[in-house]
Amino acid sequence: MSHKARKRWALVVLLIGLPVYIFVANEIFVRATLENNGRLAVGWELIVVVAIGVLWVLPLKWLFIGVGQADPDSRDD
């Protein structure tokens, strides 16, 4: 995939995909806490929140690597 295409896809993921993921993750977390009388144990709550915060980027890591760098294929004369 070209550098320009990766930049565009990264932008789409951050502007559309991430808010959708946040909404879905929040719904799952809220439903899990409702089953436990509104609160998980503090340790489990921390583990779940950290896992939800990190898991979204693992499958997309390849997309974000090098996006902030200059295009390696461009010619600087």
PDB file of N, CA and C in Angstrom:
ATOM      1  N   MET A   1       0.859  -1.166   0.000  1.00  0.00           N
ATOM      2  CA  MET A   1       0.000   0.000   0.000  1.00  0.00           C
ATOM      3  C   MET A   1       0.908   1.234   0.000  1.00  0.00           C
ATOM      4  N   SER A   2       0.538   2.210  -0.785  1.00  0.00           N
ATOM      5  CA  SER A   2       1.372   3.400  -0.878  1.00  0.00           C
ATOM      6  C   SER A   2       1.286   4.224   0.411  1.00  0.00           C
ATOM      7  N   HIS A   3       2.271   5.064   0.589  1.00  0.00           N
ATOM      8  CA  HIS A   3       2.328   5.912   1.786  1.00  0.00           C
ATOM      9  C   HIS A   3       1.118   6.843   1.843  1.00  0.00           C
ATOM     10  N   LYS A   4       0.742   7.398   0.712  1.00  0.00           N
ATOM     11  CA  LYS A   4      -0.405   8.314   0.648  1.00  0.00           C
ATOM     12  C   LYS A   4      -1.708   7.592   1.004  1.00  0.00           C
ATOM     13  N   ALA A   5      -1.870   6.374   0.514  1.00  0.00           N
ATOM     14  CA  ALA A   5      -3.067   5.590   0.822  1.00  0.00           C
ATOM     15  C   ALA A   5      -3.107   5.226   2.304  1.00  0.00           C
ATOM     16  N   ARG A   6      -1.932   4.869   2.865  1.00  0.00           N
ATOM     17  CA  ARG A   6      -1.885   4.556   4.303  1.00  0.00           C
ATOM     18  C   ARG A   6      -2.265   5.761   5.140  1.00  0.00           C
ATOM     19  N   LYS A   7      -1.832   6.952   4.731  1.00  0.00           N
ATOM     20  CA  LYS A   7      -2.197   8.171   5.459  1.00  0.00           C
ATOM     21  C   LYS A   7      -3.705   8.392   5.419  1.00  0.00           C
ATOM     22  N   ARG A   8      -4.282   8.187   4.250  1.00  0.00           N
ATOM     23  CA  ARG A   8      -5.737   8.365   4.120  1.00  0.00           C
ATOM     24  C   ARG A   8      -6.507   7.356   4.965  1.00  0.00           C
ATOM     25  N   TRP A   9      -6.105   6.088   4.914  1.00  0.00           N
ATOM     26  CA  TRP A   9      -6.781   5.066   5.707  1.00  0.00           C
ATOM     27  C   TRP A   9      -6.611   5.302   7.205  1.00  0.00           C
ATOM     28  N   ALA A  10      -5.439   5.766   7.603  1.00  0.00           N
ATOM     29  CA  ALA A  10      -5.223   6.081   9.018  1.00  0.00           C
ATOM     30  C   ALA A  10      -6.163   7.191   9.465  1.00  0.00           C
ATOM     31  N   LEU A  11      -6.364   8.185   8.605  1.00  0.00           N
ATOM     32  CA  LEU A  11      -7.278   9.272   8.930  1.00  0.00           C
ATOM     33  C   LEU A  11      -8.714   8.777   9.039  1.00  0.00           C
ATOM     34  N   VAL A  12      -9.120   7.900   8.134  1.00  0.00           N
ATOM     35  CA  VAL A  12     -10.468   7.329   8.185  1.00  0.00           C
ATOM     36  C   VAL A  12     -10.654   6.531   9.475  1.00  0.00           C
ATOM     37  N   VAL A  13      -9.654   5.737   9.823  1.00  0.00           N
ATOM     38  CA  VAL A  13      -9.740   4.928  11.047  1.00  0.00           C
ATOM     39  C   VAL A  13      -9.869   5.830  12.267  1.00  0.00           C
ATOM     40  N   LEU A  14      -9.078   6.893  12.321  1.00  0.00           N
ATOM     41  CA  LEU A  14      -9.104   7.773  13.491  1.00  0.00           C
ATOM     42  C   LEU A  14     -10.373   8.615  13.578  1.00  0.00           C
ATOM     43  N   LEU A  15     -10.916   9.037  12.446  1.00  0.00           N
ATOM     44  CA  LEU A  15     -12.089   9.910  12.468  1.00  0.00           C
ATOM     45  C   LEU A  15     -13.415   9.163  12.491  1.00  0.00           C
ATOM     46  N   ILE A  16     -13.455   7.964  11.929  1.00  0.00           N
ATOM     47  CA  ILE A  16     -14.713   7.208  11.873  1.00  0.00           C
ATOM     48  C   ILE A  16     -14.633   5.931  12.710  1.00  0.00           C
ATOM     49  N   GLY A  17     -13.583   5.151  12.496  1.00  0.00           N
ATOM     50  CA  GLY A  17     -13.474   3.855  13.166  1.00  0.00           C
ATOM     51  C   GLY A  17     -13.296   3.947  14.667  1.00  0.00           C
ATOM     52  N   LEU A  18     -12.459   4.861  15.114  1.00  0.00           N
ATOM     53  CA  LEU A  18     -12.206   4.971  16.552  1.00  0.00           C
ATOM     54  C   LEU A  18     -13.439   5.418  17.337  1.00  0.00           C
ATOM     55  N   PRO A  19     -14.197   6.429  16.879  1.00  0.00           N
ATOM     56  CA  PRO A  19     -15.430   6.755  17.625  1.00  0.00           C
ATOM     57  C   PRO A  19     -16.431   5.602  17.662  1.00  0.00           C
ATOM     58  N   VAL A  20     -16.542   4.853  16.572  1.00  0.00           N
ATOM     59  CA  VAL A  20     -17.438   3.699  16.562  1.00  0.00           C
ATOM     60  C   VAL A  20     -16.947   2.654  17.565  1.00  0.00           C
ATOM     61  N   TYR A  21     -15.642   2.408  17.590  1.00  0.00           N
ATOM     62  CA  TYR A  21     -15.063   1.460  18.540  1.00  0.00           C
ATOM     63  C   TYR A  21     -15.298   1.914  19.979  1.00  0.00           C
ATOM     64  N   ILE A  22     -15.125   3.197  20.235  1.00  0.00           N
ATOM     65  CA  ILE A  22     -15.349   3.719  21.585  1.00  0.00           C
ATOM     66  C   ILE A  22     -16.794   3.492  22.009  1.00  0.00           C
ATOM     67  N   PHE A  23     -17.736   3.747  21.110  1.00  0.00           N
ATOM     68  CA  PHE A  23     -19.150   3.542  21.428  1.00  0.00           C
ATOM     69  C   PHE A  23     -19.431   2.068  21.731  1.00  0.00           C
ATOM     70  N   VAL A  24     -18.934   1.176  20.894  1.00  0.00           N
ATOM     71  CA  VAL A  24     -19.172  -0.263  21.095  1.00  0.00           C
ATOM     72  C   VAL A  24     -18.506  -0.745  22.379  1.00  0.00           C
ATOM     73  N   ALA A  25     -17.268  -0.320  22.618  1.00  0.00           N
ATOM     74  CA  ALA A  25     -16.560  -0.725  23.835  1.00  0.00           C
ATOM     75  C   ALA A  25     -17.278  -0.199  25.074  1.00  0.00           C
ATOM     76  N   ASN A  26     -17.784   1.013  25.009  1.00  0.00           N
ATOM     77  CA  ASN A  26     -18.521   1.582  26.135  1.00  0.00           C
ATOM     78  C   ASN A  26     -19.795   0.786  26.412  1.00  0.00           C
ATOM     79  N   GLU A  27     -20.503   0.419  25.366  1.00  0.00           N
ATOM     80  CA  GLU A  27     -21.722  -0.364  25.553  1.00  0.00           C
ATOM     81  C   GLU A  27     -21.422  -1.721  26.191  1.00  0.00           C
ATOM     82  N   ILE A  28     -20.363  -2.359  25.744  1.00  0.00           N
ATOM     83  CA  ILE A  28     -19.979  -3.654  26.328  1.00  0.00           C
ATOM     84  C   ILE A  28     -19.606  -3.482  27.790  1.00  0.00           C
ATOM     85  N   PHE A  29     -18.829  -2.439  28.083  1.00  0.00           N
ATOM     86  CA  PHE A  29     -18.406  -2.198  29.465  1.00  0.00           C
ATOM     87  C   PHE A  29     -19.602  -1.883  30.359  1.00  0.00           C
ATOM     88  N   VAL A  30     -20.517  -1.059  29.872  1.00  0.00           N
ATOM     89  CA  VAL A  30     -21.702  -0.704  30.670  1.00  0.00           C
ATOM     90  C   VAL A  30     -22.559  -1.936  30.929  1.00  0.00           C
ATOM     91  N   ARG A  31     -22.756  -2.753  29.924  1.00  0.00           N
ATOM     92  CA  ARG A  31     -23.558  -3.969  30.119  1.00  0.00           C
ATOM     93  C   ARG A  31     -22.883  -4.941  31.089  1.00  0.00           C
ATOM     94  N   ALA A  32     -21.569  -5.014  31.052  1.00  0.00           N
ATOM     95  CA  ALA A  32     -20.842  -5.884  31.983  1.00  0.00           C
ATOM     96  C   ALA A  32     -20.976  -5.375  33.412  1.00  0.00           C
ATOM     97  N   THR A  33     -20.942  -4.062  33.592  1.00  0.00           N
ATOM     98  CA  THR A  33     -21.059  -3.522  34.950  1.00  0.00           C
ATOM     99  C   THR A  33     -22.492  -3.600  35.456  1.00  0.00           C
ATOM    100  N   LEU A  34     -23.464  -3.516  34.563  1.00  0.00           N
ATOM    101  CA  LEU A  34     -24.856  -3.632  35.004  1.00  0.00           C
ATOM    102  C   LEU A  34     -25.158  -5.024  35.531  1.00  0.00           C
ATOM    103  N   GLU A  35     -24.495  -6.017  34.969  1.00  0.00           N
ATOM    104  CA  GLU A  35     -24.691  -7.378  35.458  1.00  0.00           C
ATOM    105  C   GLU A  35     -24.067  -7.579  36.831  1.00  0.00           C
ATOM    106  N   ASN A  36     -23.150  -6.703  37.221  1.00  0.00           N
ATOM    107  CA  ASN A  36     -22.474  -6.808  38.520  1.00  0.00           C
ATOM    108  C   ASN A  36     -22.879  -5.663  39.443  1.00  0.00           C
ATOM    109  N   ASN A  37     -24.137  -5.330  39.451  1.00  0.00           N
ATOM    110  CA  ASN A  37     -24.694  -4.290  40.322  1.00  0.00           C
ATOM    111  C   ASN A  37     -24.037  -2.928  40.115  1.00  0.00           C
ATOM    112  N   GLY A  38     -23.713  -2.624  38.876  1.00  0.00           N
ATOM    113  CA  GLY A  38     -23.224  -1.289  38.558  1.00  0.00           C
ATOM    114  C   GLY A  38     -21.739  -1.062  38.731  1.00  0.00           C
ATOM    115  N   ARG A  39     -20.990  -2.062  39.145  1.00  0.00           N
ATOM    116  CA  ARG A  39     -19.550  -1.820  39.359  1.00  0.00           C
ATOM    117  C   ARG A  39     -18.793  -3.148  39.344  1.00  0.00           C
ATOM    118  N   LEU A  40     -17.655  -3.133  38.664  1.00  0.00           N
ATOM    119  CA  LEU A  40     -16.738  -4.271  38.738  1.00  0.00           C
ATOM    120  C   LEU A  40     -15.766  -4.020  39.880  1.00  0.00           C
ATOM    121  N   ALA A  41     -15.041  -5.030  40.283  1.00  0.00           N
ATOM    122  CA  ALA A  41     -13.981  -4.825  41.260  1.00  0.00           C
ATOM    123  C   ALA A  41     -12.950  -3.887  40.633  1.00  0.00           C
ATOM    124  N   VAL A  42     -12.328  -3.047  41.429  1.00  0.00           N
ATOM    125  CA  VAL A  42     -11.429  -2.010  40.929  1.00  0.00           C
ATOM    126  C   VAL A  42     -10.313  -2.599  40.078  1.00  0.00           C
ATOM    127  N   GLY A  43      -9.737  -3.685  40.491  1.00  0.00           N
ATOM    128  CA  GLY A  43      -8.665  -4.321  39.719  1.00  0.00           C
ATOM    129  C   GLY A  43      -9.141  -4.786  38.352  1.00  0.00           C
ATOM    130  N   TRP A  44     -10.300  -5.445  38.307  1.00  0.00           N
ATOM    131  CA  TRP A  44     -10.848  -5.901  37.037  1.00  0.00           C
ATOM    132  C   TRP A  44     -11.252  -4.730  36.161  1.00  0.00           C
ATOM    133  N   GLU A  45     -11.786  -3.696  36.781  1.00  0.00           N
ATOM    134  CA  GLU A  45     -12.189  -2.514  36.020  1.00  0.00           C
ATOM    135  C   GLU A  45     -10.973  -1.884  35.338  1.00  0.00           C
ATOM    136  N   LEU A  46      -9.873  -1.787  36.047  1.00  0.00           N
ATOM    137  CA  LEU A  46      -8.650  -1.232  35.484  1.00  0.00           C
ATOM    138  C   LEU A  46      -8.131  -2.100  34.338  1.00  0.00           C
ATOM    139  N   ILE A  47      -8.133  -3.396  34.534  1.00  0.00           N
ATOM    140  CA  ILE A  47      -7.667  -4.314  33.494  1.00  0.00           C
ATOM    141  C   ILE A  47      -8.533  -4.208  32.239  1.00  0.00           C
ATOM    142  N   VAL A  48      -9.828  -4.165  32.416  1.00  0.00           N
ATOM    143  CA  VAL A  48     -10.739  -4.081  31.269  1.00  0.00           C
ATOM    144  C   VAL A  48     -10.563  -2.762  30.530  1.00  0.00           C
ATOM    145  N   VAL A  49     -10.467  -1.655  31.241  1.00  0.00           N
ATOM    146  CA  VAL A  49     -10.321  -0.348  30.605  1.00  0.00           C
ATOM    147  C   VAL A  49      -8.997  -0.259  29.847  1.00  0.00           C
ATOM    148  N   VAL A  50      -7.921  -0.744  30.421  1.00  0.00           N
ATOM    149  CA  VAL A  50      -6.621  -0.721  29.741  1.00  0.00           C
ATOM    150  C   VAL A  50      -6.651  -1.635  28.516  1.00  0.00           C
ATOM    151  N   ALA A  51      -7.243  -2.807  28.655  1.00  0.00           N
ATOM    152  CA  ALA A  51      -7.328  -3.732  27.517  1.00  0.00           C
ATOM    153  C   ALA A  51      -8.149  -3.132  26.386  1.00  0.00           C
ATOM    154  N   ILE A  52      -9.279  -2.528  26.703  1.00  0.00           N
ATOM    155  CA  ILE A  52     -10.115  -1.896  25.678  1.00  0.00           C
ATOM    156  C   ILE A  52      -9.366  -0.740  25.019  1.00  0.00           C
ATOM    157  N   GLY A  53      -8.592  -0.025  25.796  1.00  0.00           N
ATOM    158  CA  GLY A  53      -7.847   1.103  25.251  1.00  0.00           C
ATOM    159  C   GLY A  53      -6.695   0.701  24.349  1.00  0.00           C
ATOM    160  N   VAL A  54      -6.156  -0.490  24.532  1.00  0.00           N
ATOM    161  CA  VAL A  54      -4.996  -0.927  23.750  1.00  0.00           C
ATOM    162  C   VAL A  54      -5.399  -1.849  22.603  1.00  0.00           C
ATOM    163  N   LEU A  55      -6.418  -2.639  22.767  1.00  0.00           N
ATOM    164  CA  LEU A  55      -6.757  -3.659  21.780  1.00  0.00           C
ATOM    165  C   LEU A  55      -7.147  -3.103  20.417  1.00  0.00           C
ATOM    166  N   TRP A  56      -7.653  -1.895  20.336  1.00  0.00           N
ATOM    167  CA  TRP A  56      -8.086  -1.369  19.044  1.00  0.00           C
ATOM    168  C   TRP A  56      -6.920  -1.141  18.104  1.00  0.00           C
ATOM    169  N   VAL A  57      -5.747  -0.835  18.650  1.00  0.00           N
ATOM    170  CA  VAL A  57      -4.632  -0.483  17.781  1.00  0.00           C
ATOM    171  C   VAL A  57      -3.819  -1.698  17.329  1.00  0.00           C
ATOM    172  N   LEU A  58      -3.893  -2.798  18.025  1.00  0.00           N
ATOM    173  CA  LEU A  58      -3.071  -3.961  17.680  1.00  0.00           C
ATOM    174  C   LEU A  58      -3.300  -4.463  16.250  1.00  0.00           C
ATOM    175  N   PRO A  59      -4.541  -4.631  15.790  1.00  0.00           N
ATOM    176  CA  PRO A  59      -4.696  -5.091  14.405  1.00  0.00           C
ATOM    177  C   PRO A  59      -4.353  -4.017  13.376  1.00  0.00           C
ATOM    178  N   LEU A  60      -4.292  -2.758  13.781  1.00  0.00           N
ATOM    179  CA  LEU A  60      -4.039  -1.659  12.852  1.00  0.00           C
ATOM    180  C   LEU A  60      -2.647  -1.070  12.985  1.00  0.00           C
ATOM    181  N   LYS A  61      -1.798  -1.720  13.735  1.00  0.00           N
ATOM    182  CA  LYS A  61      -0.449  -1.201  13.975  1.00  0.00           C
ATOM    183  C   LYS A  61       0.303  -0.979  12.668  1.00  0.00           C
ATOM    184  N   TRP A  62       0.192  -1.894  11.737  1.00  0.00           N
ATOM    185  CA  TRP A  62       0.879  -1.786  10.452  1.00  0.00           C
ATOM    186  C   TRP A  62       0.452  -0.531   9.692  1.00  0.00           C
ATOM    187  N   LEU A  63      -0.800  -0.103   9.892  1.00  0.00           N
ATOM    188  CA  LEU A  63      -1.310   1.069   9.182  1.00  0.00           C
ATOM    189  C   LEU A  63      -0.696   2.359   9.700  1.00  0.00           C
ATOM    190  N   PHE A  64      -0.441   2.436  10.999  1.00  0.00           N
ATOM    191  CA  PHE A  64       0.021   3.671  11.602  1.00  0.00           C
ATOM    192  C   PHE A  64       1.539   3.830  11.617  1.00  0.00           C
ATOM    193  N   ILE A  65       2.275   2.742  11.390  1.00  0.00           N
ATOM    194  CA  ILE A  65       3.735   2.836  11.424  1.00  0.00           C
ATOM    195  C   ILE A  65       4.224   3.683  10.260  1.00  0.00           C
ATOM    196  N   GLY A  66       4.947   4.749  10.567  1.00  0.00           N
ATOM    197  CA  GLY A  66       5.549   5.597   9.554  1.00  0.00           C
ATOM    198  C   GLY A  66       4.645   6.612   8.914  1.00  0.00           C
ATOM    199  N   VAL A  67       3.389   6.714   9.345  1.00  0.00           N
ATOM    200  CA  VAL A  67       2.460   7.655   8.719  1.00  0.00           C
ATOM    201  C   VAL A  67       2.887   9.100   8.971  1.00  0.00           C
ATOM    202  N   GLY A  68       3.473   9.379  10.096  1.00  0.00           N
ATOM    203  CA  GLY A  68       3.895  10.739  10.415  1.00  0.00           C
ATOM    204  C   GLY A  68       5.212  11.140   9.770  1.00  0.00           C
ATOM    205  N   GLN A  69       5.861  10.210   9.109  1.00  0.00           N
ATOM    206  CA  GLN A  69       7.141  10.488   8.463  1.00  0.00           C
ATOM    207  C   GLN A  69       6.911  10.980   7.039  1.00  0.00           C
ATOM    208  N   ALA A  70       7.958  11.522   6.450  1.00  0.00           N
ATOM    209  CA  ALA A  70       7.894  11.941   5.052  1.00  0.00           C
ATOM    210  C   ALA A  70       7.753  10.707   4.164  1.00  0.00           C
ATOM    211  N   ASP A  71       7.160  10.904   3.004  1.00  0.00           N
ATOM    212  CA  ASP A  71       6.955   9.821   2.056  1.00  0.00           C
ATOM    213  C   ASP A  71       8.310   9.292   1.576  1.00  0.00           C
ATOM    214  N   PRO A  72       8.615   8.025   1.848  1.00  0.00           N
ATOM    215  CA  PRO A  72       9.918   7.494   1.448  1.00  0.00           C
ATOM    216  C   PRO A  72      10.059   7.339  -0.069  1.00  0.00           C
ATOM    217  N   ASP A  73       8.960   7.310  -0.811  1.00  0.00           N
ATOM    218  CA  ASP A  73       9.010   7.138  -2.257  1.00  0.00           C
ATOM    219  C   ASP A  73       9.104   8.454  -3.016  1.00  0.00           C
ATOM    220  N   SER A  74       8.909   9.570  -2.329  1.00  0.00           N
ATOM    221  CA  SER A  74       8.965  10.867  -3.025  1.00  0.00           C
ATOM    222  C   SER A  74      10.415  11.242  -3.314  1.00  0.00           C
ATOM    223  N   ARG A  75      10.584  11.950  -4.374  1.00  0.00           N
ATOM    224  CA  ARG A  75      11.934  12.387  -4.761  1.00  0.00           C
ATOM    225  C   ARG A  75      12.125  13.829  -4.343  1.00  0.00           C
ATOM    226  N   ASP A  76      13.130  14.068  -3.524  1.00  0.00           N
ATOM    227  CA  ASP A  76      13.477  15.424  -3.105  1.00  0.00           C
ATOM    228  C   ASP A  76      14.674  15.878  -3.927  1.00  0.00           C
ATOM    229  N   ASP A  77      14.412  16.763  -4.886  1.00  0.00           N
ATOM    230  CA  ASP A  77      15.507  17.246  -5.739  1.00  0.00           C
ATOM    231  C   ASP A  77      16.077  18.535  -5.233  1.00  0.00           C
TER     232      ASP A  77
END
